[in-house]
Amino acid sequence: MREIDYKDAARFLKRYISDRGKIEPRRKTGTCAKHQRALSRALKQARFMALLPYTAEHMRSM
């Protein structure tokens, strides 16, 4: 497996986020613990760098 990078937000990391903007759990994504931690870290970095939103679009309009 290639290294997980926060800069892959647009095409790779979005599939590991729920429709509410939360990180999908390990049992749903099917990743091992090591890769789930790396995914989590990359998603949090992407959010911090404003490449991904913290919340879903439909939740912001409420």
PDB file of N, CA and C in Angstrom:
ATOM      1  N   MET A   1       0.840  -1.185   0.000  1.00  0.00           N
ATOM      2  CA  MET A   1       0.000   0.000   0.000  1.00  0.00           C
ATOM      3  C   MET A   1       0.879   1.241   0.000  1.00  0.00           C
ATOM      4  N   ARG A   2       0.466   2.224  -0.785  1.00  0.00           N
ATOM      5  CA  ARG A   2       1.238   3.458  -0.821  1.00  0.00           C
ATOM      6  C   ARG A   2       0.946   4.304   0.413  1.00  0.00           C
ATOM      7  N   GLU A   3       1.807   5.240   0.662  1.00  0.00           N
ATOM      8  CA  GLU A   3       1.669   6.090   1.848  1.00  0.00           C
ATOM      9  C   GLU A   3       0.429   6.980   1.749  1.00  0.00           C
ATOM     10  N   ILE A   4      -0.263   7.128   2.855  1.00  0.00           N
ATOM     11  CA  ILE A   4      -1.453   7.970   2.910  1.00  0.00           C
ATOM     12  C   ILE A   4      -1.012   9.401   3.176  1.00  0.00           C
ATOM     13  N   ASP A   5      -1.483  10.306   2.343  1.00  0.00           N
ATOM     14  CA  ASP A   5      -1.066  11.696   2.445  1.00  0.00           C
ATOM     15  C   ASP A   5      -2.292  12.596   2.533  1.00  0.00           C
ATOM     16  N   TYR A   6      -2.228  13.617   3.353  1.00  0.00           N
ATOM     17  CA  TYR A   6      -3.362  14.523   3.526  1.00  0.00           C
ATOM     18  C   TYR A   6      -3.691  15.286   2.242  1.00  0.00           C
ATOM     19  N   LYS A   7      -2.740  15.395   1.332  1.00  0.00           N
ATOM     20  CA  LYS A   7      -2.958  16.137   0.091  1.00  0.00           C
ATOM     21  C   LYS A   7      -3.822  15.369  -0.913  1.00  0.00           C
ATOM     22  N   ASP A   8      -4.113  14.105  -0.625  1.00  0.00           N
ATOM     23  CA  ASP A   8      -4.966  13.292  -1.492  1.00  0.00           C
ATOM     24  C   ASP A   8      -6.441  13.455  -1.146  1.00  0.00           C
ATOM     25  N   ALA A   9      -6.810  14.530  -0.514  1.00  0.00           N
ATOM     26  CA  ALA A   9      -8.161  14.723   0.017  1.00  0.00           C
ATOM     27  C   ALA A   9      -9.239  14.591  -1.047  1.00  0.00           C
ATOM     28  N   ALA A  10      -9.055  15.227  -2.166  1.00  0.00           N
ATOM     29  CA  ALA A  10     -10.117  15.278  -3.168  1.00  0.00           C
ATOM     30  C   ALA A  10     -10.473  13.901  -3.716  1.00  0.00           C
ATOM     31  N   ARG A  11      -9.505  13.102  -4.047  1.00  0.00           N
ATOM     32  CA  ARG A  11      -9.830  11.850  -4.728  1.00  0.00           C
ATOM     33  C   ARG A  11      -9.753  10.614  -3.849  1.00  0.00           C
ATOM     34  N   PHE A  12      -9.096  10.668  -2.722  1.00  0.00           N
ATOM     35  CA  PHE A  12      -8.885   9.457  -1.935  1.00  0.00           C
ATOM     36  C   PHE A  12      -9.543   9.501  -0.560  1.00  0.00           C
ATOM     37  N   LEU A  13      -9.327  10.544   0.177  1.00  0.00           N
ATOM     38  CA  LEU A  13      -9.768  10.590   1.570  1.00  0.00           C
ATOM     39  C   LEU A  13     -11.267  10.779   1.740  1.00  0.00           C
ATOM     40  N   LYS A  14     -11.936  11.369   0.759  1.00  0.00           N
ATOM     41  CA  LYS A  14     -13.368  11.636   0.890  1.00  0.00           C
ATOM     42  C   LYS A  14     -14.198  10.366   1.035  1.00  0.00           C
ATOM     43  N   ARG A  15     -13.698   9.254   0.519  1.00  0.00           N
ATOM     44  CA  ARG A  15     -14.491   8.023   0.640  1.00  0.00           C
ATOM     45  C   ARG A  15     -14.441   7.428   2.046  1.00  0.00           C
ATOM     46  N   TYR A  16     -13.601   7.951   2.911  1.00  0.00           N
ATOM     47  CA  TYR A  16     -13.514   7.480   4.292  1.00  0.00           C
ATOM     48  C   TYR A  16     -14.221   8.417   5.271  1.00  0.00           C
ATOM     49  N   ILE A  17     -15.039   9.321   4.741  1.00  0.00           N
ATOM     50  CA  ILE A  17     -15.806  10.250   5.566  1.00  0.00           C
ATOM     51  C   ILE A  17     -17.288   9.974   5.343  1.00  0.00           C
ATOM     52  N   SER A  18     -18.058   9.966   6.419  1.00  0.00           N
ATOM     53  CA  SER A  18     -19.499   9.724   6.306  1.00  0.00           C
ATOM     54  C   SER A  18     -20.197  10.938   5.705  1.00  0.00           C
ATOM     55  N   ASP A  19     -21.491  10.795   5.435  1.00  0.00           N
ATOM     56  CA  ASP A  19     -22.245  11.918   4.874  1.00  0.00           C
ATOM     57  C   ASP A  19     -22.402  13.058   5.876  1.00  0.00           C
ATOM     58  N   ARG A  20     -22.159  12.807   7.136  1.00  0.00           N
ATOM     59  CA  ARG A  20     -22.204  13.854   8.162  1.00  0.00           C
ATOM     60  C   ARG A  20     -20.831  14.483   8.415  1.00  0.00           C
ATOM     61  N   GLY A  21     -19.803  13.993   7.729  1.00  0.00           N
ATOM     62  CA  GLY A  21     -18.475  14.565   7.866  1.00  0.00           C
ATOM     63  C   GLY A  21     -17.597  13.882   8.897  1.00  0.00           C
ATOM     64  N   LYS A  22     -18.054  12.756   9.439  1.00  0.00           N
ATOM     65  CA  LYS A  22     -17.268  12.039  10.443  1.00  0.00           C
ATOM     66  C   LYS A  22     -16.396  10.977   9.777  1.00  0.00           C
ATOM     67  N   ILE A  23     -15.304  10.627  10.432  1.00  0.00           N
ATOM     68  CA  ILE A  23     -14.420   9.586   9.933  1.00  0.00           C
ATOM     69  C   ILE A  23     -15.107   8.236  10.124  1.00  0.00           C
ATOM     70  N   GLU A  24     -15.137   7.443   9.051  1.00  0.00           N
ATOM     71  CA  GLU A  24     -15.783   6.130   9.112  1.00  0.00           C
ATOM     72  C   GLU A  24     -14.990   5.201  10.032  1.00  0.00           C
ATOM     73  N   PRO A  25     -15.683   4.326  10.775  1.00  0.00           N
ATOM     74  CA  PRO A  25     -14.987   3.403  11.673  1.00  0.00           C
ATOM     75  C   PRO A  25     -14.267   2.289  10.910  1.00  0.00           C
ATOM     76  N   ARG A  26     -13.367   1.663  11.590  1.00  0.00           N
ATOM     77  CA  ARG A  26     -12.548   0.597  11.028  1.00  0.00           C
ATOM     78  C   ARG A  26     -13.371  -0.565  10.498  1.00  0.00           C
ATOM     79  N   ARG A  27     -14.397  -0.926  11.231  1.00  0.00           N
ATOM     80  CA  ARG A  27     -15.207  -2.075  10.816  1.00  0.00           C
ATOM     81  C   ARG A  27     -15.960  -1.808   9.519  1.00  0.00           C
ATOM     82  N   LYS A  28     -16.211  -0.545   9.219  1.00  0.00           N
ATOM     83  CA  LYS A  28     -16.906  -0.197   7.981  1.00  0.00           C
ATOM     84  C   LYS A  28     -15.937  -0.041   6.807  1.00  0.00           C
ATOM     85  N   THR A  29     -14.764   0.510   7.068  1.00  0.00           N
ATOM     86  CA  THR A  29     -13.794   0.721   5.991  1.00  0.00           C
ATOM     87  C   THR A  29     -13.010  -0.546   5.675  1.00  0.00           C
ATOM     88  N   GLY A  30     -12.889  -1.436   6.658  1.00  0.00           N
ATOM     89  CA  GLY A  30     -12.169  -2.686   6.434  1.00  0.00           C
ATOM     90  C   GLY A  30     -10.659  -2.551   6.511  1.00  0.00           C
ATOM     91  N   THR A  31     -10.165  -1.472   7.080  1.00  0.00           N
ATOM     92  CA  THR A  31      -8.718  -1.278   7.196  1.00  0.00           C
ATOM     93  C   THR A  31      -8.203  -1.856   8.511  1.00  0.00           C
ATOM     94  N   CYS A  32      -6.923  -2.169   8.540  1.00  0.00           N
ATOM     95  CA  CYS A  32      -6.320  -2.639   9.784  1.00  0.00           C
ATOM     96  C   CYS A  32      -6.072  -1.423  10.686  1.00  0.00           C
ATOM     97  N   ALA A  33      -5.735  -1.674  11.928  1.00  0.00           N
ATOM     98  CA  ALA A  33      -5.567  -0.597  12.908  1.00  0.00           C
ATOM     99  C   ALA A  33      -4.473   0.391  12.491  1.00  0.00           C
ATOM    100  N   LYS A  34      -3.388  -0.129  11.967  1.00  0.00           N
ATOM    101  CA  LYS A  34      -2.271   0.722  11.559  1.00  0.00           C
ATOM    102  C   LYS A  34      -2.689   1.693  10.453  1.00  0.00           C
ATOM    103  N   HIS A  35      -3.386   1.184   9.449  1.00  0.00           N
ATOM    104  CA  HIS A  35      -3.798   2.032   8.341  1.00  0.00           C
ATOM    105  C   HIS A  35      -4.955   2.952   8.724  1.00  0.00           C
ATOM    106  N   GLN A  36      -5.800   2.518   9.648  1.00  0.00           N
ATOM    107  CA  GLN A  36      -6.883   3.390  10.116  1.00  0.00           C
ATOM    108  C   GLN A  36      -6.313   4.598  10.856  1.00  0.00           C
ATOM    109  N   ARG A  37      -5.266   4.376  11.651  1.00  0.00           N
ATOM    110  CA  ARG A  37      -4.607   5.495  12.340  1.00  0.00           C
ATOM    111  C   ARG A  37      -4.005   6.465  11.331  1.00  0.00           C
ATOM    112  N   ALA A  38      -3.381   5.917  10.282  1.00  0.00           N
ATOM    113  CA  ALA A  38      -2.791   6.769   9.249  1.00  0.00           C
ATOM    114  C   ALA A  38      -3.877   7.556   8.510  1.00  0.00           C
ATOM    115  N   LEU A  39      -4.997   6.907   8.223  1.00  0.00           N
ATOM    116  CA  LEU A  39      -6.130   7.588   7.587  1.00  0.00           C
ATOM    117  C   LEU A  39      -6.644   8.713   8.462  1.00  0.00           C
ATOM    118  N   SER A  40      -6.815   8.403   9.719  1.00  0.00           N
ATOM    119  CA  SER A  40      -7.303   9.383  10.691  1.00  0.00           C
ATOM    120  C   SER A  40      -6.382  10.593  10.746  1.00  0.00           C
ATOM    121  N   ARG A  41      -5.110  10.332  10.825  1.00  0.00           N
ATOM    122  CA  ARG A  41      -4.116  11.404  10.886  1.00  0.00           C
ATOM    123  C   ARG A  41      -4.176  12.264   9.620  1.00  0.00           C
ATOM    124  N   ALA A  42      -4.253  11.612   8.461  1.00  0.00           N
ATOM    125  CA  ALA A  42      -4.296  12.339   7.192  1.00  0.00           C
ATOM    126  C   ALA A  42      -5.579  13.162   7.068  1.00  0.00           C
ATOM    127  N   LEU A  43      -6.706  12.601   7.496  1.00  0.00           N
ATOM    128  CA  LEU A  43      -7.973  13.332   7.446  1.00  0.00           C
ATOM    129  C   LEU A  43      -7.944  14.553   8.354  1.00  0.00           C
ATOM    130  N   LYS A  44      -7.386  14.390   9.535  1.00  0.00           N
ATOM    131  CA  LYS A  44      -7.309  15.516  10.468  1.00  0.00           C
ATOM    132  C   LYS A  44      -6.378  16.606   9.940  1.00  0.00           C
ATOM    133  N   GLN A  45      -5.273  16.200   9.306  1.00  0.00           N
ATOM    134  CA  GLN A  45      -4.366  17.181   8.711  1.00  0.00           C
ATOM    135  C   GLN A  45      -5.047  17.917   7.562  1.00  0.00           C
ATOM    136  N   ALA A  46      -5.795  17.178   6.738  1.00  0.00           N
ATOM    137  CA  ALA A  46      -6.495  17.798   5.609  1.00  0.00           C
ATOM    138  C   ALA A  46      -7.547  18.784   6.106  1.00  0.00           C
ATOM    139  N   ARG A  47      -8.219  18.447   7.184  1.00  0.00           N
ATOM    140  CA  ARG A  47      -9.195  19.377   7.763  1.00  0.00           C
ATOM    141  C   ARG A  47      -8.498  20.626   8.288  1.00  0.00           C
ATOM    142  N   PHE A  48      -7.386  20.440   8.970  1.00  0.00           N
ATOM    143  CA  PHE A  48      -6.638  21.562   9.529  1.00  0.00           C
ATOM    144  C   PHE A  48      -6.133  22.489   8.422  1.00  0.00           C
ATOM    145  N   MET A  49      -5.722  21.906   7.303  1.00  0.00           N
ATOM    146  CA  MET A  49      -5.207  22.685   6.174  1.00  0.00           C
ATOM    147  C   MET A  49      -6.336  23.225   5.286  1.00  0.00           C
ATOM    148  N   ALA A  50      -7.584  23.006   5.687  1.00  0.00           N
ATOM    149  CA  ALA A  50      -8.785  23.467   4.971  1.00  0.00           C
ATOM    150  C   ALA A  50      -8.953  22.809   3.606  1.00  0.00           C
ATOM    151  N   LEU A  51      -8.460  21.582   3.457  1.00  0.00           N
ATOM    152  CA  LEU A  51      -8.679  20.835   2.222  1.00  0.00           C
ATOM    153  C   LEU A  51      -9.981  20.045   2.297  1.00  0.00           C
ATOM    154  N   LEU A  52     -10.426  19.752   3.515  1.00  0.00           N
ATOM    155  CA  LEU A  52     -11.695  19.065   3.767  1.00  0.00           C
ATOM    156  C   LEU A  52     -12.467  19.853   4.814  1.00  0.00           C
ATOM    157  N   PRO A  53     -13.795  19.841   4.726  1.00  0.00           N
ATOM    158  CA  PRO A  53     -14.587  20.539   5.746  1.00  0.00           C
ATOM    159  C   PRO A  53     -14.664  19.730   7.041  1.00  0.00           C
ATOM    160  N   TYR A  54     -14.860  20.415   8.149  1.00  0.00           N
ATOM    161  CA  TYR A  54     -15.047  19.738   9.429  1.00  0.00           C
ATOM    162  C   TYR A  54     -16.445  19.145   9.530  1.00  0.00           C
ATOM    163  N   THR A  55     -17.421  19.794   8.916  1.00  0.00           N
ATOM    164  CA  THR A  55     -18.803  19.317   8.942  1.00  0.00           C
ATOM    165  C   THR A  55     -19.311  19.162   7.519  1.00  0.00           C
ATOM    166  N   ALA A  56     -20.408  18.436   7.384  1.00  0.00           N
ATOM    167  CA  ALA A  56     -21.009  18.237   6.070  1.00  0.00           C
ATOM    168  C   ALA A  56     -21.714  19.511   5.618  1.00  0.00           C
ATOM    169  N   GLU A  57     -21.876  19.659   4.324  1.00  0.00           N
ATOM    170  CA  GLU A  57     -22.516  20.851   3.753  1.00  0.00           C
ATOM    171  C   GLU A  57     -23.933  21.040   4.266  1.00  0.00           C
ATOM    172  N   HIS A  58     -24.732  19.973   4.303  1.00  0.00           N
ATOM    173  CA  HIS A  58     -26.126  20.124   4.710  1.00  0.00           C
ATOM    174  C   HIS A  58     -26.265  20.440   6.196  1.00  0.00           C
ATOM    175  N   MET A  59     -25.271  20.139   6.994  1.00  0.00           N
ATOM    176  CA  MET A  59     -25.319  20.454   8.420  1.00  0.00           C
ATOM    177  C   MET A  59     -25.027  21.941   8.653  1.00  0.00           C
ATOM    178  N   ARG A  60     -24.258  22.562   7.784  1.00  0.00           N
ATOM    179  CA  ARG A  60     -23.903  23.972   7.944  1.00  0.00           C
ATOM    180  C   ARG A  60     -25.095  24.887   7.688  1.00  0.00           C
ATOM    181  N   SER A  61     -25.991  24.483   6.814  1.00  0.00           N
ATOM    182  CA  SER A  61     -27.105  25.351   6.444  1.00  0.00           C
ATOM    183  C   SER A  61     -28.218  25.376   7.486  1.00  0.00           C
ATOM    184  N   MET A  62     -28.162  24.537   8.475  1.00  0.00           N
ATOM    185  CA  MET A  62     -29.204  24.485   9.509  1.00  0.00           C
ATOM    186  C   MET A  62     -29.079  25.626  10.479  1.00  0.00           C
TER     187      MET A  62
END
